[in-house]
Amino acid sequence: MNEELLKTLEGWTYDAKKKCIVKEFLFKSYLKNISFVNAIAWIANKQNHHPDLFVSFGKCIVSLTTHDEGGVSAKDIQVALEINKL
């Protein structure tokens, strides 16, 4: 994982064990959380790169990795940057 790239991703951390970048997003309502998840789905479809999502009432944990490359790639960074714009 390129530490310099990670520094450009506000709020994201690197999980060395899972070889992915992760960020937790908090919401005051379930509907706002689901709207966020749907927006991520649009980004993922557009980028053809799909994060793992854990969704609960007021929280969404987003995890990105490129399985074909065995860890974090430029694709993950790009999707993370787009998600941060939401």
PDB file of N, CA and C in Angstrom:
ATOM      1  N   MET A   1       0.848  -1.186   0.000  1.00  0.00           N
ATOM      2  CA  MET A   1       0.000   0.000   0.000  1.00  0.00           C
ATOM      3  C   MET A   1       0.883   1.234   0.000  1.00  0.00           C
ATOM      4  N   ASN A   2       0.602   2.144  -0.915  1.00  0.00           N
ATOM      5  CA  ASN A   2       1.341   3.396  -1.015  1.00  0.00           C
ATOM      6  C   ASN A   2       0.842   4.361   0.060  1.00  0.00           C
ATOM      7  N   GLU A   3       1.674   4.631   1.046  1.00  0.00           N
ATOM      8  CA  GLU A   3       1.294   5.499   2.169  1.00  0.00           C
ATOM      9  C   GLU A   3       0.952   6.921   1.707  1.00  0.00           C
ATOM     10  N   GLU A   4       1.622   7.396   0.663  1.00  0.00           N
ATOM     11  CA  GLU A   4       1.354   8.741   0.151  1.00  0.00           C
ATOM     12  C   GLU A   4      -0.059   8.832  -0.427  1.00  0.00           C
ATOM     13  N   LEU A   5      -0.483   7.791  -1.133  1.00  0.00           N
ATOM     14  CA  LEU A   5      -1.850   7.774  -1.660  1.00  0.00           C
ATOM     15  C   LEU A   5      -2.870   7.743  -0.540  1.00  0.00           C
ATOM     16  N   LEU A   6      -2.589   6.968   0.490  1.00  0.00           N
ATOM     17  CA  LEU A   6      -3.519   6.870   1.622  1.00  0.00           C
ATOM     18  C   LEU A   6      -3.707   8.225   2.294  1.00  0.00           C
ATOM     19  N   LYS A   7      -2.665   9.022   2.344  1.00  0.00           N
ATOM     20  CA  LYS A   7      -2.756  10.350   2.957  1.00  0.00           C
ATOM     21  C   LYS A   7      -3.723  11.260   2.201  1.00  0.00           C
ATOM     22  N   THR A   8      -3.954  10.998   0.924  1.00  0.00           N
ATOM     23  CA  THR A   8      -4.871  11.821   0.133  1.00  0.00           C
ATOM     24  C   THR A   8      -6.334  11.439   0.374  1.00  0.00           C
ATOM     25  N   LEU A   9      -6.557  10.342   1.085  1.00  0.00           N
ATOM     26  CA  LEU A   9      -7.911   9.841   1.315  1.00  0.00           C
ATOM     27  C   LEU A   9      -8.367  10.169   2.729  1.00  0.00           C
ATOM     28  N   GLU A  10      -9.077  11.249   2.866  1.00  0.00           N
ATOM     29  CA  GLU A  10      -9.530  11.705   4.176  1.00  0.00           C
ATOM     30  C   GLU A  10     -10.416  10.653   4.851  1.00  0.00           C
ATOM     31  N   GLY A  11      -9.974  10.208   6.043  1.00  0.00           N
ATOM     32  CA  GLY A  11     -10.774   9.303   6.846  1.00  0.00           C
ATOM     33  C   GLY A  11     -10.600   7.822   6.561  1.00  0.00           C
ATOM     34  N   TRP A  12      -9.848   7.478   5.537  1.00  0.00           N
ATOM     35  CA  TRP A  12      -9.642   6.070   5.180  1.00  0.00           C
ATOM     36  C   TRP A  12      -8.423   5.530   5.908  1.00  0.00           C
ATOM     37  N   THR A  13      -8.496   4.258   6.294  1.00  0.00           N
ATOM     38  CA  THR A  13      -7.361   3.596   6.922  1.00  0.00           C
ATOM     39  C   THR A  13      -7.020   2.330   6.135  1.00  0.00           C
ATOM     40  N   TYR A  14      -5.805   1.880   6.308  1.00  0.00           N
ATOM     41  CA  TYR A  14      -5.358   0.664   5.629  1.00  0.00           C
ATOM     42  C   TYR A  14      -5.402  -0.498   6.601  1.00  0.00           C
ATOM     43  N   ASP A  15      -6.052  -1.575   6.207  1.00  0.00           N
ATOM     44  CA  ASP A  15      -6.106  -2.810   6.990  1.00  0.00           C
ATOM     45  C   ASP A  15      -5.110  -3.782   6.357  1.00  0.00           C
ATOM     46  N   ALA A  16      -3.935  -3.913   6.982  1.00  0.00           N
ATOM     47  CA  ALA A  16      -2.865  -4.740   6.423  1.00  0.00           C
ATOM     48  C   ALA A  16      -3.246  -6.222   6.380  1.00  0.00           C
ATOM     49  N   LYS A  17      -4.026  -6.662   7.351  1.00  0.00           N
ATOM     50  CA  LYS A  17      -4.419  -8.068   7.400  1.00  0.00           C
ATOM     51  C   LYS A  17      -5.298  -8.437   6.202  1.00  0.00           C
ATOM     52  N   LYS A  18      -6.258  -7.556   5.879  1.00  0.00           N
ATOM     53  CA  LYS A  18      -7.177  -7.813   4.773  1.00  0.00           C
ATOM     54  C   LYS A  18      -6.716  -7.192   3.454  1.00  0.00           C
ATOM     55  N   LYS A  19      -5.626  -6.408   3.509  1.00  0.00           N
ATOM     56  CA  LYS A  19      -5.082  -5.726   2.333  1.00  0.00           C
ATOM     57  C   LYS A  19      -6.141  -4.880   1.638  1.00  0.00           C
ATOM     58  N   CYS A  20      -6.782  -4.003   2.433  1.00  0.00           N
ATOM     59  CA  CYS A  20      -7.833  -3.143   1.899  1.00  0.00           C
ATOM     60  C   CYS A  20      -7.807  -1.796   2.607  1.00  0.00           C
ATOM     61  N   ILE A  21      -8.511  -0.838   2.019  1.00  0.00           N
ATOM     62  CA  ILE A  21      -8.726   0.443   2.690  1.00  0.00           C
ATOM     63  C   ILE A  21     -10.163   0.451   3.189  1.00  0.00           C
ATOM     64  N   VAL A  22     -10.375   1.083   4.345  1.00  0.00           N
ATOM     65  CA  VAL A  22     -11.668   1.027   5.030  1.00  0.00           C
ATOM     66  C   VAL A  22     -12.030   2.410   5.566  1.00  0.00           C
ATOM     67  N   LYS A  23     -13.329   2.721   5.489  1.00  0.00           N
ATOM     68  CA  LYS A  23     -13.830   3.947   6.107  1.00  0.00           C
ATOM     69  C   LYS A  23     -15.231   3.698   6.645  1.00  0.00           C
ATOM     70  N   GLU A  24     -15.482   4.249   7.825  1.00  0.00           N
ATOM     71  CA  GLU A  24     -16.797   4.135   8.451  1.00  0.00           C
ATOM     72  C   GLU A  24     -17.538   5.463   8.292  1.00  0.00           C
ATOM     73  N   PHE A  25     -18.774   5.387   7.822  1.00  0.00           N
ATOM     74  CA  PHE A  25     -19.629   6.557   7.653  1.00  0.00           C
ATOM     75  C   PHE A  25     -20.814   6.426   8.606  1.00  0.00           C
ATOM     76  N   LEU A  26     -21.135   7.502   9.318  1.00  0.00           N
ATOM     77  CA  LEU A  26     -22.235   7.492  10.283  1.00  0.00           C
ATOM     78  C   LEU A  26     -23.379   8.369   9.799  1.00  0.00           C
ATOM     79  N   PHE A  27     -24.610   7.918  10.071  1.00  0.00           N
ATOM     80  CA  PHE A  27     -25.810   8.630   9.642  1.00  0.00           C
ATOM     81  C   PHE A  27     -26.824   8.684  10.779  1.00  0.00           C
ATOM     82  N   LYS A  28     -27.680   9.702  10.738  1.00  0.00           N
ATOM     83  CA  LYS A  28     -28.699   9.862  11.775  1.00  0.00           C
ATOM     84  C   LYS A  28     -29.956   9.053  11.500  1.00  0.00           C
ATOM     85  N   SER A  29     -30.087   8.541  10.286  1.00  0.00           N
ATOM     86  CA  SER A  29     -31.277   7.742   9.982  1.00  0.00           C
ATOM     87  C   SER A  29     -30.928   6.621   9.009  1.00  0.00           C
ATOM     88  N   TYR A  30     -31.748   5.600   9.025  1.00  0.00           N
ATOM     89  CA  TYR A  30     -31.571   4.469   8.133  1.00  0.00           C
ATOM     90  C   TYR A  30     -31.737   4.893   6.679  1.00  0.00           C
ATOM     91  N   LEU A  31     -32.723   5.732   6.409  1.00  0.00           N
ATOM     92  CA  LEU A  31     -32.984   6.167   5.039  1.00  0.00           C
ATOM     93  C   LEU A  31     -31.800   6.936   4.455  1.00  0.00           C
ATOM     94  N   LYS A  32     -31.179   7.806   5.249  1.00  0.00           N
ATOM     95  CA  LYS A  32     -29.998   8.529   4.772  1.00  0.00           C
ATOM     96  C   LYS A  32     -28.855   7.557   4.479  1.00  0.00           C
ATOM     97  N   ASN A  33     -28.717   6.551   5.323  1.00  0.00           N
ATOM     98  CA  ASN A  33     -27.679   5.547   5.110  1.00  0.00           C
ATOM     99  C   ASN A  33     -27.929   4.777   3.815  1.00  0.00           C
ATOM    100  N   ILE A  34     -29.146   4.352   3.590  1.00  0.00           N
ATOM    101  CA  ILE A  34     -29.476   3.597   2.387  1.00  0.00           C
ATOM    102  C   ILE A  34     -29.319   4.468   1.137  1.00  0.00           C
ATOM    103  N   SER A  35     -29.657   5.738   1.232  1.00  0.00           N
ATOM    104  CA  SER A  35     -29.440   6.660   0.106  1.00  0.00           C
ATOM    105  C   SER A  35     -27.953   6.748  -0.226  1.00  0.00           C
ATOM    106  N   PHE A  36     -27.119   6.796   0.803  1.00  0.00           N
ATOM    107  CA  PHE A  36     -25.667   6.804   0.632  1.00  0.00           C
ATOM    108  C   PHE A  36     -25.203   5.524  -0.056  1.00  0.00           C
ATOM    109  N   VAL A  37     -25.709   4.380   0.403  1.00  0.00           N
ATOM    110  CA  VAL A  37     -25.361   3.089  -0.187  1.00  0.00           C
ATOM    111  C   VAL A  37     -25.757   3.052  -1.663  1.00  0.00           C
ATOM    112  N   ASN A  38     -26.932   3.569  -1.991  1.00  0.00           N
ATOM    113  CA  ASN A  38     -27.373   3.614  -3.390  1.00  0.00           C
ATOM    114  C   ASN A  38     -26.464   4.502  -4.230  1.00  0.00           C
ATOM    115  N   ALA A  39     -25.999   5.606  -3.652  1.00  0.00           N
ATOM    116  CA  ALA A  39     -25.071   6.486  -4.375  1.00  0.00           C
ATOM    117  C   ALA A  39     -23.743   5.758  -4.621  1.00  0.00           C
ATOM    118  N   ILE A  40     -23.292   4.982  -3.650  1.00  0.00           N
ATOM    119  CA  ILE A  40     -22.079   4.185  -3.840  1.00  0.00           C
ATOM    120  C   ILE A  40     -22.284   3.180  -4.967  1.00  0.00           C
ATOM    121  N   ALA A  41     -23.463   2.587  -5.027  1.00  0.00           N
ATOM    122  CA  ALA A  41     -23.762   1.614  -6.093  1.00  0.00           C
ATOM    123  C   ALA A  41     -23.612   2.258  -7.465  1.00  0.00           C
ATOM    124  N   TRP A  42     -24.055   3.493  -7.621  1.00  0.00           N
ATOM    125  CA  TRP A  42     -23.912   4.198  -8.903  1.00  0.00           C
ATOM    126  C   TRP A  42     -22.443   4.417  -9.243  1.00  0.00           C
ATOM    127  N   ILE A  43     -21.667   4.851  -8.242  1.00  0.00           N
ATOM    128  CA  ILE A  43     -20.232   5.066  -8.453  1.00  0.00           C
ATOM    129  C   ILE A  43     -19.555   3.748  -8.832  1.00  0.00           C
ATOM    130  N   ALA A  44     -19.846   2.696  -8.085  1.00  0.00           N
ATOM    131  CA  ALA A  44     -19.233   1.391  -8.330  1.00  0.00           C
ATOM    132  C   ALA A  44     -19.564   0.881  -9.729  1.00  0.00           C
ATOM    133  N   ASN A  45     -20.809   1.056 -10.133  1.00  0.00           N
ATOM    134  CA  ASN A  45     -21.210   0.609 -11.466  1.00  0.00           C
ATOM    135  C   ASN A  45     -20.486   1.408 -12.549  1.00  0.00           C
ATOM    136  N   LYS A  46     -20.408   2.720 -12.356  1.00  0.00           N
ATOM    137  CA  LYS A  46     -19.735   3.592 -13.322  1.00  0.00           C
ATOM    138  C   LYS A  46     -18.244   3.248 -13.434  1.00  0.00           C
ATOM    139  N   GLN A  47     -17.610   2.963 -12.297  1.00  0.00           N
ATOM    140  CA  GLN A  47     -16.178   2.666 -12.273  1.00  0.00           C
ATOM    141  C   GLN A  47     -15.882   1.182 -12.544  1.00  0.00           C
ATOM    142  N   ASN A  48     -16.934   0.364 -12.548  1.00  0.00           N
ATOM    143  CA  ASN A  48     -16.801  -1.089 -12.683  1.00  0.00           C
ATOM    144  C   ASN A  48     -15.828  -1.643 -11.637  1.00  0.00           C
ATOM    145  N   HIS A  49     -16.008  -1.157 -10.412  1.00  0.00           N
ATOM    146  CA  HIS A  49     -15.185  -1.585  -9.281  1.00  0.00           C
ATOM    147  C   HIS A  49     -16.064  -1.503  -8.038  1.00  0.00           C
ATOM    148  N   HIS A  50     -16.262  -2.612  -7.360  1.00  0.00           N
ATOM    149  CA  HIS A  50     -17.323  -2.713  -6.356  1.00  0.00           C
ATOM    150  C   HIS A  50     -16.785  -2.965  -4.954  1.00  0.00           C
ATOM    151  N   PRO A  51     -17.073  -2.054  -4.023  1.00  0.00           N
ATOM    152  CA  PRO A  51     -16.600  -2.210  -2.651  1.00  0.00           C
ATOM    153  C   PRO A  51     -17.455  -3.216  -1.884  1.00  0.00           C
ATOM    154  N   ASP A  52     -16.902  -3.700  -0.786  1.00  0.00           N
ATOM    155  CA  ASP A  52     -17.684  -4.460   0.178  1.00  0.00           C
ATOM    156  C   ASP A  52     -18.322  -3.440   1.115  1.00  0.00           C
ATOM    157  N   LEU A  53     -19.591  -3.669   1.438  1.00  0.00           N
ATOM    158  CA  LEU A  53     -20.324  -2.751   2.300  1.00  0.00           C
ATOM    159  C   LEU A  53     -20.932  -3.508   3.476  1.00  0.00           C
ATOM    160  N   PHE A  54     -20.768  -2.953   4.663  1.00  0.00           N
ATOM    161  CA  PHE A  54     -21.468  -3.440   5.844  1.00  0.00           C
ATOM    162  C   PHE A  54     -22.436  -2.336   6.233  1.00  0.00           C
ATOM    163  N   VAL A  55     -23.719  -2.655   6.238  1.00  0.00           N
ATOM    164  CA  VAL A  55     -24.748  -1.646   6.481  1.00  0.00           C
ATOM    165  C   VAL A  55     -25.546  -2.016   7.724  1.00  0.00           C
ATOM    166  N   SER A  56     -25.656  -1.067   8.651  1.00  0.00           N
ATOM    167  CA  SER A  56     -26.531  -1.215   9.808  1.00  0.00           C
ATOM    168  C   SER A  56     -27.360   0.059   9.922  1.00  0.00           C
ATOM    169  N   PHE A  57     -28.120   0.214  10.995  1.00  0.00           N
ATOM    170  CA  PHE A  57     -29.065   1.325  11.078  1.00  0.00           C
ATOM    171  C   PHE A  57     -28.434   2.685  10.773  1.00  0.00           C
ATOM    172  N   GLY A  58     -27.401   3.051  11.463  1.00  0.00           N
ATOM    173  CA  GLY A  58     -26.814   4.380  11.281  1.00  0.00           C
ATOM    174  C   GLY A  58     -25.370   4.352  10.836  1.00  0.00           C
ATOM    175  N   LYS A  59     -24.949   3.234  10.274  1.00  0.00           N
ATOM    176  CA  LYS A  59     -23.531   3.107   9.935  1.00  0.00           C
ATOM    177  C   LYS A  59     -23.358   2.312   8.649  1.00  0.00           C
ATOM    178  N   CYS A  60     -22.380   2.745   7.842  1.00  0.00           N
ATOM    179  CA  CYS A  60     -21.970   1.999   6.661  1.00  0.00           C
ATOM    180  C   CYS A  60     -20.444   1.944   6.678  1.00  0.00           C
ATOM    181  N   ILE A  61     -19.917   0.733   6.657  1.00  0.00           N
ATOM    182  CA  ILE A  61     -18.475   0.543   6.582  1.00  0.00           C
ATOM    183  C   ILE A  61     -18.152   0.114   5.157  1.00  0.00           C
ATOM    184  N   VAL A  62     -17.283   0.878   4.509  1.00  0.00           N
ATOM    185  CA  VAL A  62     -16.905   0.626   3.118  1.00  0.00           C
ATOM    186  C   VAL A  62     -15.482   0.078   3.101  1.00  0.00           C
ATOM    187  N   SER A  63     -15.290  -0.997   2.374  1.00  0.00           N
ATOM    188  CA  SER A  63     -13.986  -1.642   2.256  1.00  0.00           C
ATOM    189  C   SER A  63     -13.665  -1.818   0.774  1.00  0.00           C
ATOM    190  N   LEU A  64     -12.464  -1.401   0.388  1.00  0.00           N
ATOM    191  CA  LEU A  64     -12.038  -1.490  -1.007  1.00  0.00           C
ATOM    192  C   LEU A  64     -10.717  -2.223  -1.140  1.00  0.00           C
ATOM    193  N   THR A  65     -10.671  -3.154  -2.079  1.00  0.00           N
ATOM    194  CA  THR A  65      -9.448  -3.855  -2.447  1.00  0.00           C
ATOM    195  C   THR A  65      -9.611  -4.366  -3.871  1.00  0.00           C
ATOM    196  N   THR A  66      -8.507  -4.663  -4.510  1.00  0.00           N
ATOM    197  CA  THR A  66      -8.550  -5.237  -5.855  1.00  0.00           C
ATOM    198  C   THR A  66      -8.042  -6.672  -5.742  1.00  0.00           C
ATOM    199  N   HIS A  67      -8.969  -7.606  -5.714  1.00  0.00           N
ATOM    200  CA  HIS A  67      -8.625  -9.011  -5.499  1.00  0.00           C
ATOM    201  C   HIS A  67      -7.656  -9.522  -6.553  1.00  0.00           C
ATOM    202  N   ASP A  68      -7.850  -9.128  -7.821  1.00  0.00           N
ATOM    203  CA  ASP A  68      -6.976  -9.589  -8.904  1.00  0.00           C
ATOM    204  C   ASP A  68      -5.527  -9.148  -8.722  1.00  0.00           C
ATOM    205  N   GLU A  69      -5.326  -8.035  -7.992  1.00  0.00           N
ATOM    206  CA  GLU A  69      -3.976  -7.513  -7.803  1.00  0.00           C
ATOM    207  C   GLU A  69      -3.438  -7.805  -6.405  1.00  0.00           C
ATOM    208  N   GLY A  70      -4.242  -8.456  -5.584  1.00  0.00           N
ATOM    209  CA  GLY A  70      -3.785  -8.849  -4.259  1.00  0.00           C
ATOM    210  C   GLY A  70      -3.675  -7.725  -3.255  1.00  0.00           C
ATOM    211  N   GLY A  71      -4.436  -6.677  -3.437  1.00  0.00           N
ATOM    212  CA  GLY A  71      -4.403  -5.564  -2.487  1.00  0.00           C
ATOM    213  C   GLY A  71      -4.965  -4.298  -3.092  1.00  0.00           C
ATOM    214  N   VAL A  72      -4.587  -3.183  -2.504  1.00  0.00           N
ATOM    215  CA  VAL A  72      -5.104  -1.876  -2.913  1.00  0.00           C
ATOM    216  C   VAL A  72      -4.439  -1.428  -4.208  1.00  0.00           C
ATOM    217  N   SER A  73      -5.267  -0.962  -5.143  1.00  0.00           N
ATOM    218  CA  SER A  73      -4.769  -0.481  -6.432  1.00  0.00           C
ATOM    219  C   SER A  73      -5.292   0.937  -6.687  1.00  0.00           C
ATOM    220  N   ALA A  74      -4.896   1.485  -7.803  1.00  0.00           N
ATOM    221  CA  ALA A  74      -5.370   2.808  -8.205  1.00  0.00           C
ATOM    222  C   ALA A  74      -6.893   2.832  -8.345  1.00  0.00           C
ATOM    223  N   LYS A  75      -7.495   1.710  -8.737  1.00  0.00           N
ATOM    224  CA  LYS A  75      -8.960   1.633  -8.841  1.00  0.00           C
ATOM    225  C   LYS A  75      -9.610   1.909  -7.486  1.00  0.00           C
ATOM    226  N   ASP A  76      -9.043   1.339  -6.433  1.00  0.00           N
ATOM    227  CA  ASP A  76      -9.591   1.535  -5.086  1.00  0.00           C
ATOM    228  C   ASP A  76      -9.483   2.995  -4.655  1.00  0.00           C
ATOM    229  N   ILE A  77      -8.355   3.587  -4.945  1.00  0.00           N
ATOM    230  CA  ILE A  77      -8.144   4.998  -4.592  1.00  0.00           C
ATOM    231  C   ILE A  77      -9.165   5.876  -5.316  1.00  0.00           C
ATOM    232  N   GLN A  78      -9.379   5.622  -6.603  1.00  0.00           N
ATOM    233  CA  GLN A  78     -10.314   6.415  -7.388  1.00  0.00           C
ATOM    234  C   GLN A  78     -11.739   6.292  -6.849  1.00  0.00           C
ATOM    235  N   VAL A  79     -12.166   5.081  -6.542  1.00  0.00           N
ATOM    236  CA  VAL A  79     -13.518   4.884  -6.009  1.00  0.00           C
ATOM    237  C   VAL A  79     -13.637   5.559  -4.636  1.00  0.00           C
ATOM    238  N   ALA A  80     -12.617   5.436  -3.800  1.00  0.00           N
ATOM    239  CA  ALA A  80     -12.637   6.081  -2.486  1.00  0.00           C
ATOM    240  C   ALA A  80     -12.755   7.603  -2.617  1.00  0.00           C
ATOM    241  N   LEU A  81     -12.021   8.178  -3.550  1.00  0.00           N
ATOM    242  CA  LEU A  81     -12.110   9.627  -3.781  1.00  0.00           C
ATOM    243  C   LEU A  81     -13.525  10.038  -4.203  1.00  0.00           C
ATOM    244  N   GLU A  82     -14.139   9.238  -5.056  1.00  0.00           N
ATOM    245  CA  GLU A  82     -15.510   9.527  -5.494  1.00  0.00           C
ATOM    246  C   GLU A  82     -16.485   9.397  -4.332  1.00  0.00           C
ATOM    247  N   ILE A  83     -16.316   8.380  -3.509  1.00  0.00           N
ATOM    248  CA  ILE A  83     -17.204   8.199  -2.355  1.00  0.00           C
ATOM    249  C   ILE A  83     -17.054   9.372  -1.393  1.00  0.00           C
ATOM    250  N   ASN A  84     -15.848   9.860  -1.198  1.00  0.00           N
ATOM    251  CA  ASN A  84     -15.630  11.004  -0.313  1.00  0.00           C
ATOM    252  C   ASN A  84     -16.348  12.267  -0.775  1.00  0.00           C
ATOM    253  N   LYS A  85     -16.672  12.345  -2.053  1.00  0.00           N
ATOM    254  CA  LYS A  85     -17.375  13.524  -2.591  1.00  0.00           C
ATOM    255  C   LYS A  85     -18.862  13.530  -2.231  1.00  0.00           C
ATOM    256  N   LEU A  86     -19.386  12.371  -1.803  1.00  0.00           N
ATOM    257  CA  LEU A  86     -20.820  12.286  -1.502  1.00  0.00           C
ATOM    258  C   LEU A  86     -21.190  13.096  -0.279  1.00  0.00           C
TER     259      LEU A  86
END
